[in-house]
Amino acid sequence: MPRLFTGLEVPYDVQTALSLKRGGLSGARWIDPENYHITLRFIGDVDNHVADEVSYELDRLSFSESFRLKLSHLGTFGGDKPRALYAGVENNEALQRLQASHERVLRRVGLESDARKFVPHVSLARLRGTPAIEVADFIHHAGHFAPLEFTVRRFVLFSSRNSVGGGPYLVEQSYSLMAA
């Protein structure tokens, strides 16, 4: 039974720049740069029939414009008990439309809506027991970086094994976005 999600790949040069942020944070389990991505929609564990339906419907998706993305800041999930450090994506209308189209396609396949608000990001580290003040200090000192931009020319259907997180992720199918 595959565990699936849709997402965007992060180019090698951006992976390299983000990987320079690694280190100096207690309780951090750093994600390998080759596993950096932006999740569009987590699908979860599905049987092969549903996986085939998802792939078919994504292939028929009418969204077809390439667009630019900008990673502009560091942030965390978890509030007073931070559980993840990420590089945040600057607000982007094309990305929001692409994500919404994935949500519609997956509901059409019969999957439940994702109750979580879409917060586009690249996860850099999973945190365990890291004090919020230490994370805030880390972001203050390491968080200032020149925005990292890249063009999104495709989205992918990823699979992952049931693990604690951080990969490895495999590209099961890719879907091209034409130039705008």
N, C-alpha and C. Protein backbone atom coordinates (compact mmCIF):
# COMPACT_ATOMS: atom_id res chain seq x y z
N MET A 1 0.85 -1.17 0.00
CA MET A 1 0.00 0.00 0.00
C MET A 1 0.90 1.24 0.00
N PRO A 2 0.87 2.04 -1.06
CA PRO A 2 1.76 3.20 -1.11
C PRO A 2 1.27 4.36 -0.24
N ARG A 3 2.22 5.12 0.30
CA ARG A 3 1.94 6.37 1.01
C ARG A 3 2.32 7.47 0.02
N LEU A 4 1.32 8.28 -0.35
CA LEU A 4 1.52 9.24 -1.43
C LEU A 4 1.29 10.69 -0.99
N PHE A 5 1.92 11.60 -1.72
CA PHE A 5 1.63 13.02 -1.60
C PHE A 5 2.08 13.70 -2.89
N THR A 6 1.46 14.84 -3.19
CA THR A 6 1.88 15.62 -4.34
C THR A 6 2.77 16.75 -3.85
N GLY A 7 3.68 17.17 -4.72
CA GLY A 7 4.59 18.23 -4.29
C GLY A 7 5.42 18.79 -5.42
N LEU A 8 6.29 19.71 -5.01
CA LEU A 8 7.22 20.36 -5.91
C LEU A 8 8.64 20.01 -5.49
N GLU A 9 9.45 19.73 -6.46
CA GLU A 9 10.86 19.45 -6.19
C GLU A 9 11.60 20.78 -5.99
N VAL A 10 12.67 20.72 -5.22
CA VAL A 10 13.52 21.88 -4.99
C VAL A 10 14.80 21.68 -5.80
N PRO A 11 15.16 22.64 -6.67
CA PRO A 11 16.35 22.49 -7.49
C PRO A 11 17.63 22.34 -6.66
N TYR A 12 18.61 21.72 -7.25
CA TYR A 12 19.87 21.41 -6.56
C TYR A 12 20.53 22.66 -5.97
N ASP A 13 20.58 23.76 -6.71
CA ASP A 13 21.24 24.96 -6.20
C ASP A 13 20.51 25.52 -4.97
N VAL A 14 19.20 25.42 -4.95
CA VAL A 14 18.43 25.87 -3.79
C VAL A 14 18.61 24.88 -2.63
N GLN A 15 18.65 23.59 -2.93
CA GLN A 15 18.94 22.59 -1.89
C GLN A 15 20.27 22.91 -1.20
N THR A 16 21.27 23.20 -2.01
CA THR A 16 22.60 23.49 -1.48
C THR A 16 22.57 24.73 -0.59
N ALA A 17 21.93 25.80 -1.05
CA ALA A 17 21.85 27.02 -0.25
C ALA A 17 21.11 26.76 1.07
N LEU A 18 20.02 26.01 1.02
CA LEU A 18 19.27 25.71 2.25
C LEU A 18 20.07 24.82 3.19
N SER A 19 20.85 23.90 2.64
CA SER A 19 21.62 22.97 3.48
C SER A 19 22.67 23.70 4.31
N LEU A 20 23.03 24.91 3.92
CA LEU A 20 24.01 25.68 4.69
C LEU A 20 23.43 26.15 6.02
N LYS A 21 22.13 26.03 6.19
CA LYS A 21 21.47 26.40 7.45
C LYS A 21 21.57 25.28 8.49
N ARG A 22 22.02 24.10 8.07
CA ARG A 22 22.05 22.94 8.95
C ARG A 22 23.07 23.11 10.08
N GLY A 23 22.72 22.60 11.27
CA GLY A 23 23.66 22.57 12.39
C GLY A 23 23.39 23.65 13.42
N GLY A 24 23.83 23.35 14.64
CA GLY A 24 23.77 24.34 15.71
C GLY A 24 22.44 24.45 16.42
N LEU A 25 21.60 23.43 16.31
CA LEU A 25 20.30 23.46 16.96
C LEU A 25 20.08 22.12 17.66
N SER A 26 20.04 22.15 18.99
CA SER A 26 19.89 20.90 19.74
C SER A 26 18.54 20.25 19.46
N GLY A 27 18.52 18.94 19.43
CA GLY A 27 17.27 18.22 19.21
C GLY A 27 16.79 18.23 17.77
N ALA A 28 17.61 18.74 16.85
CA ALA A 28 17.20 18.80 15.45
C ALA A 28 17.64 17.54 14.72
N ARG A 29 16.73 16.97 13.96
CA ARG A 29 17.07 15.88 13.02
C ARG A 29 16.95 16.49 11.63
N TRP A 30 18.09 16.82 11.05
CA TRP A 30 18.15 17.55 9.79
C TRP A 30 17.75 16.66 8.63
N ILE A 31 16.95 17.18 7.77
CA ILE A 31 16.49 16.45 6.59
C ILE A 31 17.57 16.54 5.52
N ASP A 32 17.82 15.42 4.85
CA ASP A 32 18.82 15.40 3.78
C ASP A 32 18.35 16.31 2.65
N PRO A 33 19.26 17.15 2.12
CA PRO A 33 18.88 18.10 1.06
C PRO A 33 18.18 17.45 -0.14
N GLU A 34 18.55 16.24 -0.51
CA GLU A 34 17.90 15.59 -1.66
C GLU A 34 16.43 15.27 -1.39
N ASN A 35 16.00 15.37 -0.14
CA ASN A 35 14.60 15.14 0.21
C ASN A 35 13.82 16.43 0.43
N TYR A 36 14.44 17.59 0.19
CA TYR A 36 13.73 18.85 0.29
C TYR A 36 12.64 18.90 -0.80
N HIS A 37 11.48 19.36 -0.42
CA HIS A 37 10.35 19.49 -1.36
C HIS A 37 9.31 20.41 -0.73
N ILE A 38 8.33 20.80 -1.53
CA ILE A 38 7.19 21.56 -1.03
C ILE A 38 5.97 20.68 -1.24
N THR A 39 5.35 20.26 -0.16
CA THR A 39 4.16 19.41 -0.26
C THR A 39 2.97 20.25 -0.72
N LEU A 40 2.29 19.76 -1.74
CA LEU A 40 1.05 20.39 -2.18
C LEU A 40 -0.15 19.76 -1.48
N ARG A 41 -0.16 18.43 -1.41
CA ARG A 41 -1.29 17.74 -0.77
C ARG A 41 -0.86 16.36 -0.31
N PHE A 42 -0.94 16.11 0.99
CA PHE A 42 -0.69 14.78 1.53
C PHE A 42 -1.89 13.91 1.21
N ILE A 43 -1.64 12.74 0.67
CA ILE A 43 -2.71 11.81 0.31
C ILE A 43 -2.81 10.70 1.35
N GLY A 44 -1.68 10.15 1.74
CA GLY A 44 -1.66 9.11 2.76
C GLY A 44 -1.52 7.73 2.17
N ASP A 45 -1.80 6.73 3.00
CA ASP A 45 -1.72 5.33 2.58
C ASP A 45 -2.97 4.97 1.81
N VAL A 46 -2.79 4.56 0.57
CA VAL A 46 -3.92 4.19 -0.28
C VAL A 46 -3.61 2.86 -0.97
N ASP A 47 -4.67 2.17 -1.41
CA ASP A 47 -4.43 0.93 -2.15
C ASP A 47 -4.02 1.28 -3.58
N ASN A 48 -3.56 0.28 -4.32
CA ASN A 48 -3.05 0.51 -5.67
C ASN A 48 -4.12 1.04 -6.62
N HIS A 49 -5.37 0.63 -6.43
CA HIS A 49 -6.46 1.12 -7.27
C HIS A 49 -6.63 2.64 -7.10
N VAL A 50 -6.65 3.11 -5.87
CA VAL A 50 -6.79 4.54 -5.60
C VAL A 50 -5.56 5.28 -6.10
N ALA A 51 -4.38 4.71 -5.92
CA ALA A 51 -3.15 5.33 -6.42
C ALA A 51 -3.22 5.53 -7.93
N ASP A 52 -3.73 4.53 -8.64
CA ASP A 52 -3.88 4.65 -10.09
C ASP A 52 -4.89 5.74 -10.46
N GLU A 53 -5.99 5.82 -9.71
CA GLU A 53 -6.99 6.87 -9.96
C GLU A 53 -6.41 8.26 -9.73
N VAL A 54 -5.64 8.40 -8.66
CA VAL A 54 -5.01 9.68 -8.35
C VAL A 54 -4.08 10.08 -9.49
N SER A 55 -3.25 9.15 -9.94
CA SER A 55 -2.31 9.44 -11.02
C SER A 55 -3.05 9.84 -12.29
N TYR A 56 -4.11 9.11 -12.61
CA TYR A 56 -4.90 9.40 -13.81
C TYR A 56 -5.52 10.80 -13.74
N GLU A 57 -6.12 11.12 -12.61
CA GLU A 57 -6.78 12.41 -12.46
C GLU A 57 -5.78 13.57 -12.46
N LEU A 58 -4.62 13.37 -11.85
CA LEU A 58 -3.60 14.42 -11.87
C LEU A 58 -3.10 14.65 -13.29
N ASP A 59 -3.03 13.58 -14.08
CA ASP A 59 -2.59 13.69 -15.47
C ASP A 59 -3.58 14.52 -16.29
N ARG A 60 -4.85 14.49 -15.91
CA ARG A 60 -5.90 15.22 -16.62
C ARG A 60 -6.07 16.65 -16.11
N LEU A 61 -5.33 17.02 -15.09
CA LEU A 61 -5.46 18.34 -14.48
C LEU A 61 -5.22 19.43 -15.51
N SER A 62 -6.08 20.42 -15.52
CA SER A 62 -5.99 21.46 -16.55
C SER A 62 -5.03 22.58 -16.18
N PHE A 63 -4.50 22.59 -14.96
CA PHE A 63 -3.55 23.63 -14.55
C PHE A 63 -2.28 23.45 -15.39
N SER A 64 -1.86 24.48 -16.09
CA SER A 64 -0.75 24.27 -17.01
C SER A 64 0.23 25.42 -17.11
N GLU A 65 0.36 26.22 -16.07
CA GLU A 65 1.30 27.34 -16.16
C GLU A 65 2.50 27.13 -15.25
N SER A 66 3.69 27.35 -15.80
CA SER A 66 4.87 27.36 -14.95
C SER A 66 4.87 28.69 -14.19
N PHE A 67 5.60 28.76 -13.09
CA PHE A 67 5.62 29.99 -12.30
C PHE A 67 6.87 30.02 -11.44
N ARG A 68 7.17 31.20 -10.90
CA ARG A 68 8.33 31.39 -10.04
C ARG A 68 7.90 31.31 -8.58
N LEU A 69 8.78 30.73 -7.76
CA LEU A 69 8.57 30.67 -6.31
C LEU A 69 9.75 31.33 -5.62
N LYS A 70 9.48 31.88 -4.45
CA LYS A 70 10.54 32.50 -3.66
C LYS A 70 10.47 31.99 -2.22
N LEU A 71 11.58 31.44 -1.75
CA LEU A 71 11.73 31.08 -0.34
C LEU A 71 12.33 32.30 0.33
N SER A 72 11.66 32.82 1.36
CA SER A 72 12.05 34.13 1.87
C SER A 72 12.35 34.20 3.37
N HIS A 73 12.09 33.13 4.12
CA HIS A 73 12.27 33.23 5.56
C HIS A 73 12.32 31.84 6.20
N LEU A 74 12.78 31.81 7.44
CA LEU A 74 12.71 30.59 8.25
C LEU A 74 11.53 30.71 9.20
N GLY A 75 10.95 29.57 9.54
CA GLY A 75 9.83 29.55 10.46
C GLY A 75 9.76 28.21 11.16
N THR A 76 8.80 28.07 12.06
CA THR A 76 8.61 26.82 12.78
C THR A 76 7.13 26.47 12.85
N PHE A 77 6.90 25.19 13.04
CA PHE A 77 5.58 24.69 13.39
C PHE A 77 5.66 24.22 14.84
N GLY A 78 4.60 24.45 15.60
CA GLY A 78 4.54 23.92 16.95
C GLY A 78 4.47 24.95 18.05
N GLY A 79 4.58 26.22 17.72
CA GLY A 79 4.45 27.27 18.74
C GLY A 79 5.47 27.16 19.85
N ASP A 80 4.99 27.06 21.10
CA ASP A 80 5.87 26.99 22.27
C ASP A 80 6.64 25.67 22.36
N LYS A 81 6.19 24.67 21.61
CA LYS A 81 6.88 23.38 21.57
C LYS A 81 7.22 23.08 20.10
N PRO A 82 8.24 23.77 19.57
CA PRO A 82 8.53 23.63 18.14
C PRO A 82 8.83 22.19 17.75
N ARG A 83 8.23 21.78 16.64
CA ARG A 83 8.43 20.40 16.16
C ARG A 83 9.06 20.34 14.78
N ALA A 84 9.12 21.50 14.08
CA ALA A 84 9.75 21.52 12.75
C ALA A 84 10.27 22.91 12.45
N LEU A 85 11.42 22.94 11.78
CA LEU A 85 12.01 24.16 11.26
C LEU A 85 11.86 24.12 9.75
N TYR A 86 11.46 25.23 9.14
CA TYR A 86 11.23 25.23 7.70
C TYR A 86 11.68 26.54 7.05
N ALA A 87 11.86 26.48 5.73
CA ALA A 87 12.05 27.67 4.90
C ALA A 87 10.68 27.97 4.28
N GLY A 88 10.19 29.17 4.52
CA GLY A 88 8.85 29.53 4.08
C GLY A 88 8.82 30.09 2.67
N VAL A 89 7.71 29.82 1.99
CA VAL A 89 7.48 30.30 0.63
C VAL A 89 6.71 31.61 0.71
N GLU A 90 7.19 32.60 -0.02
CA GLU A 90 6.49 33.88 -0.10
C GLU A 90 5.13 33.65 -0.76
N ASN A 91 4.12 34.42 -0.35
CA ASN A 91 2.78 34.27 -0.90
C ASN A 91 2.82 34.28 -2.43
N ASN A 92 2.12 33.29 -3.04
CA ASN A 92 2.19 33.12 -4.48
C ASN A 92 0.83 32.63 -4.99
N GLU A 93 0.18 33.45 -5.79
CA GLU A 93 -1.16 33.13 -6.28
C GLU A 93 -1.18 31.88 -7.15
N ALA A 94 -0.19 31.71 -8.03
CA ALA A 94 -0.15 30.53 -8.90
C ALA A 94 0.00 29.26 -8.07
N LEU A 95 0.81 29.31 -7.03
CA LEU A 95 0.99 28.14 -6.15
C LEU A 95 -0.33 27.82 -5.44
N GLN A 96 -1.02 28.85 -4.96
CA GLN A 96 -2.30 28.64 -4.28
C GLN A 96 -3.31 27.99 -5.23
N ARG A 97 -3.35 28.43 -6.48
CA ARG A 97 -4.27 27.85 -7.47
C ARG A 97 -3.90 26.40 -7.76
N LEU A 98 -2.61 26.11 -7.89
CA LEU A 98 -2.18 24.73 -8.15
C LEU A 98 -2.58 23.83 -6.99
N GLN A 99 -2.35 24.27 -5.78
CA GLN A 99 -2.70 23.47 -4.61
C GLN A 99 -4.20 23.25 -4.54
N ALA A 100 -4.98 24.28 -4.81
CA ALA A 100 -6.44 24.15 -4.79
C ALA A 100 -6.92 23.17 -5.85
N SER A 101 -6.26 23.15 -7.00
CA SER A 101 -6.64 22.20 -8.06
C SER A 101 -6.34 20.77 -7.62
N HIS A 102 -5.28 20.57 -6.87
CA HIS A 102 -4.98 19.23 -6.34
C HIS A 102 -6.05 18.81 -5.35
N GLU A 103 -6.46 19.74 -4.51
CA GLU A 103 -7.50 19.44 -3.53
C GLU A 103 -8.78 19.00 -4.23
N ARG A 104 -9.18 19.72 -5.29
CA ARG A 104 -10.40 19.36 -6.03
C ARG A 104 -10.27 17.99 -6.68
N VAL A 105 -9.14 17.72 -7.30
CA VAL A 105 -8.92 16.43 -7.97
C VAL A 105 -9.01 15.29 -6.96
N LEU A 106 -8.40 15.46 -5.81
CA LEU A 106 -8.37 14.37 -4.83
C LEU A 106 -9.74 14.16 -4.18
N ARG A 107 -10.52 15.20 -4.04
CA ARG A 107 -11.90 15.03 -3.56
C ARG A 107 -12.71 14.26 -4.60
N ARG A 108 -12.47 14.55 -5.89
CA ARG A 108 -13.18 13.86 -6.96
C ARG A 108 -12.87 12.36 -6.95
N VAL A 109 -11.66 12.00 -6.54
CA VAL A 109 -11.27 10.59 -6.44
C VAL A 109 -11.92 9.94 -5.22
N GLY A 110 -12.44 10.76 -4.31
CA GLY A 110 -13.12 10.22 -3.14
C GLY A 110 -12.35 10.39 -1.84
N LEU A 111 -11.24 11.12 -1.88
CA LEU A 111 -10.46 11.35 -0.66
C LEU A 111 -11.04 12.53 0.11
N GLU A 112 -10.93 12.48 1.41
CA GLU A 112 -11.43 13.56 2.26
C GLU A 112 -10.58 14.81 2.08
N SER A 113 -11.18 15.97 2.30
CA SER A 113 -10.45 17.23 2.24
C SER A 113 -9.41 17.27 3.35
N ASP A 114 -8.32 17.94 3.07
CA ASP A 114 -7.28 18.13 4.08
C ASP A 114 -7.75 19.26 5.01
N ALA A 115 -7.88 18.97 6.28
CA ALA A 115 -8.39 19.95 7.24
C ALA A 115 -7.36 21.02 7.58
N ARG A 116 -6.08 20.73 7.31
CA ARG A 116 -5.03 21.68 7.66
C ARG A 116 -4.95 22.81 6.63
N LYS A 117 -4.64 24.01 7.11
CA LYS A 117 -4.43 25.15 6.23
C LYS A 117 -3.14 24.91 5.45
N PHE A 118 -3.16 25.23 4.16
CA PHE A 118 -1.98 25.07 3.32
C PHE A 118 -0.96 26.15 3.66
N VAL A 119 0.20 25.72 4.15
CA VAL A 119 1.31 26.62 4.47
C VAL A 119 2.52 26.12 3.68
N PRO A 120 2.75 26.68 2.49
CA PRO A 120 3.83 26.17 1.66
C PRO A 120 5.20 26.42 2.29
N HIS A 121 6.01 25.37 2.33
CA HIS A 121 7.30 25.44 3.00
C HIS A 121 8.19 24.27 2.57
N VAL A 122 9.46 24.40 2.88
CA VAL A 122 10.43 23.31 2.73
C VAL A 122 10.89 22.94 4.14
N SER A 123 10.56 21.73 4.58
CA SER A 123 11.00 21.30 5.91
C SER A 123 12.51 21.10 5.91
N LEU A 124 13.17 21.69 6.90
CA LEU A 124 14.62 21.57 7.02
C LEU A 124 15.03 20.63 8.13
N ALA A 125 14.24 20.61 9.22
CA ALA A 125 14.59 19.76 10.36
C ALA A 125 13.34 19.43 11.15
N ARG A 126 13.32 18.24 11.72
CA ARG A 126 12.32 17.85 12.70
C ARG A 126 12.94 18.13 14.07
N LEU A 127 12.17 18.69 14.97
CA LEU A 127 12.68 19.09 16.28
C LEU A 127 12.04 18.25 17.38
N ARG A 128 12.86 17.90 18.34
CA ARG A 128 12.36 17.16 19.49
C ARG A 128 13.03 17.70 20.75
N GLY A 129 12.20 18.28 21.60
CA GLY A 129 12.71 18.80 22.87
C GLY A 129 13.55 20.06 22.73
N THR A 130 13.48 20.72 21.61
CA THR A 130 14.25 21.95 21.41
C THR A 130 13.47 23.11 22.01
N PRO A 131 14.06 23.82 22.97
CA PRO A 131 13.34 24.94 23.58
C PRO A 131 13.02 26.03 22.56
N ALA A 132 11.84 26.60 22.68
CA ALA A 132 11.39 27.64 21.75
C ALA A 132 12.36 28.80 21.70
N ILE A 133 12.94 29.17 22.83
CA ILE A 133 13.88 30.30 22.86
C ILE A 133 15.13 29.98 22.05
N GLU A 134 15.56 28.72 22.08
CA GLU A 134 16.74 28.32 21.29
C GLU A 134 16.42 28.39 19.79
N VAL A 135 15.21 27.98 19.42
CA VAL A 135 14.81 28.03 18.01
C VAL A 135 14.71 29.49 17.57
N ALA A 136 14.13 30.34 18.42
CA ALA A 136 14.01 31.75 18.08
C ALA A 136 15.40 32.38 17.89
N ASP A 137 16.33 32.04 18.78
CA ASP A 137 17.69 32.54 18.67
C ASP A 137 18.35 32.04 17.38
N PHE A 138 18.14 30.77 17.05
CA PHE A 138 18.69 30.19 15.82
C PHE A 138 18.15 30.94 14.60
N ILE A 139 16.85 31.17 14.56
CA ILE A 139 16.24 31.87 13.43
C ILE A 139 16.77 33.30 13.35
N HIS A 140 16.93 33.94 14.51
CA HIS A 140 17.45 35.31 14.52
C HIS A 140 18.85 35.37 13.91
N HIS A 141 19.70 34.41 14.24
CA HIS A 141 21.08 34.43 13.75
C HIS A 141 21.25 33.80 12.37
N ALA A 142 20.48 32.76 12.07
CA ALA A 142 20.66 32.04 10.80
C ALA A 142 19.57 32.35 9.79
N GLY A 143 18.53 33.02 10.23
CA GLY A 143 17.35 33.19 9.38
C GLY A 143 17.45 34.23 8.29
N HIS A 144 18.43 35.09 8.38
CA HIS A 144 18.55 36.13 7.36
C HIS A 144 19.31 35.57 6.16
N PHE A 145 18.62 35.43 5.07
CA PHE A 145 19.30 34.98 3.86
C PHE A 145 18.64 35.64 2.66
N ALA A 146 19.43 35.77 1.62
CA ALA A 146 18.88 36.33 0.39
C ALA A 146 17.79 35.39 -0.10
N PRO A 147 16.66 35.93 -0.54
CA PRO A 147 15.59 35.06 -1.04
C PRO A 147 16.11 34.11 -2.11
N LEU A 148 15.61 32.90 -2.07
CA LEU A 148 15.98 31.87 -3.03
C LEU A 148 14.81 31.67 -3.98
N GLU A 149 15.04 31.92 -5.26
CA GLU A 149 13.97 31.83 -6.24
C GLU A 149 14.25 30.71 -7.24
N PHE A 150 13.16 30.12 -7.73
CA PHE A 150 13.28 29.13 -8.80
C PHE A 150 11.97 29.04 -9.55
N THR A 151 12.06 28.52 -10.76
CA THR A 151 10.87 28.34 -11.59
C THR A 151 10.34 26.93 -11.41
N VAL A 152 9.04 26.84 -11.19
CA VAL A 152 8.37 25.54 -11.08
C VAL A 152 7.87 25.17 -12.47
N ARG A 153 8.40 24.08 -12.98
CA ARG A 153 8.02 23.63 -14.32
C ARG A 153 7.23 22.32 -14.30
N ARG A 154 7.15 21.71 -13.13
CA ARG A 154 6.38 20.47 -13.01
C ARG A 154 6.03 20.25 -11.55
N PHE A 155 5.02 19.44 -11.32
CA PHE A 155 4.74 18.92 -9.99
C PHE A 155 4.85 17.42 -10.07
N VAL A 156 4.96 16.77 -8.93
CA VAL A 156 5.18 15.33 -8.93
C VAL A 156 4.28 14.64 -7.91
N LEU A 157 4.09 13.36 -8.16
CA LEU A 157 3.44 12.47 -7.20
C LEU A 157 4.57 11.70 -6.53
N PHE A 158 4.75 11.95 -5.23
CA PHE A 158 5.79 11.30 -4.46
C PHE A 158 5.22 10.11 -3.71
N SER A 159 6.09 9.13 -3.44
CA SER A 159 5.75 8.09 -2.48
C SER A 159 6.82 8.10 -1.40
N SER A 160 6.44 7.61 -0.26
CA SER A 160 7.40 7.49 0.85
C SER A 160 7.08 6.22 1.61
N ARG A 161 8.06 5.77 2.33
CA ARG A 161 7.80 4.62 3.18
C ARG A 161 7.29 5.13 4.52
N ASN A 162 6.59 4.29 5.22
CA ASN A 162 6.08 4.67 6.53
C ASN A 162 7.26 4.78 7.48
N SER A 163 7.65 6.02 7.78
CA SER A 163 8.80 6.25 8.62
C SER A 163 8.53 7.45 9.52
N VAL A 164 9.54 7.84 10.27
CA VAL A 164 9.40 8.95 11.19
C VAL A 164 9.39 10.28 10.45
N GLY A 165 9.77 10.31 9.21
CA GLY A 165 9.75 11.55 8.42
C GLY A 165 11.12 11.89 7.88
N GLY A 166 11.13 12.69 6.86
CA GLY A 166 12.38 13.15 6.31
C GLY A 166 12.87 12.35 5.12
N GLY A 167 12.09 11.41 4.61
CA GLY A 167 12.46 10.68 3.40
C GLY A 167 12.89 9.27 3.70
N PRO A 168 13.35 8.56 2.70
CA PRO A 168 13.51 9.04 1.32
C PRO A 168 12.17 9.08 0.58
N TYR A 169 12.10 10.02 -0.36
CA TYR A 169 10.91 10.18 -1.17
C TYR A 169 11.24 9.79 -2.60
N LEU A 170 10.31 9.10 -3.24
CA LEU A 170 10.49 8.67 -4.62
C LEU A 170 9.48 9.36 -5.51
N VAL A 171 9.92 9.81 -6.68
CA VAL A 171 9.01 10.39 -7.66
C VAL A 171 8.35 9.24 -8.39
N GLU A 172 7.04 9.11 -8.22
CA GLU A 172 6.27 8.06 -8.90
C GLU A 172 5.82 8.50 -10.28
N GLN A 173 5.48 9.78 -10.40
CA GLN A 173 4.98 10.33 -11.66
C GLN A 173 5.26 11.83 -11.64
N SER A 174 5.59 12.39 -12.80
CA SER A 174 5.75 13.84 -12.89
C SER A 174 4.76 14.40 -13.90
N TYR A 175 4.37 15.64 -13.69
CA TYR A 175 3.35 16.31 -14.51
C TYR A 175 3.89 17.68 -14.91
N SER A 176 4.09 17.87 -16.18
CA SER A 176 4.71 19.08 -16.70
C SER A 176 3.76 20.28 -16.65
N LEU A 177 4.32 21.43 -16.34
CA LEU A 177 3.62 22.70 -16.42
C LEU A 177 4.23 23.47 -17.58
N MET A 178 3.42 23.94 -18.49
CA MET A 178 3.91 24.66 -19.66
C MET A 178 4.31 26.09 -19.28
N ALA A 179 5.14 26.70 -20.08
CA ALA A 179 5.56 28.08 -19.85
C ALA A 179 4.36 29.01 -19.92
N ALA A 180 4.33 29.96 -19.02
CA ALA A 180 3.22 30.93 -18.99
C ALA A 180 3.44 31.99 -20.04
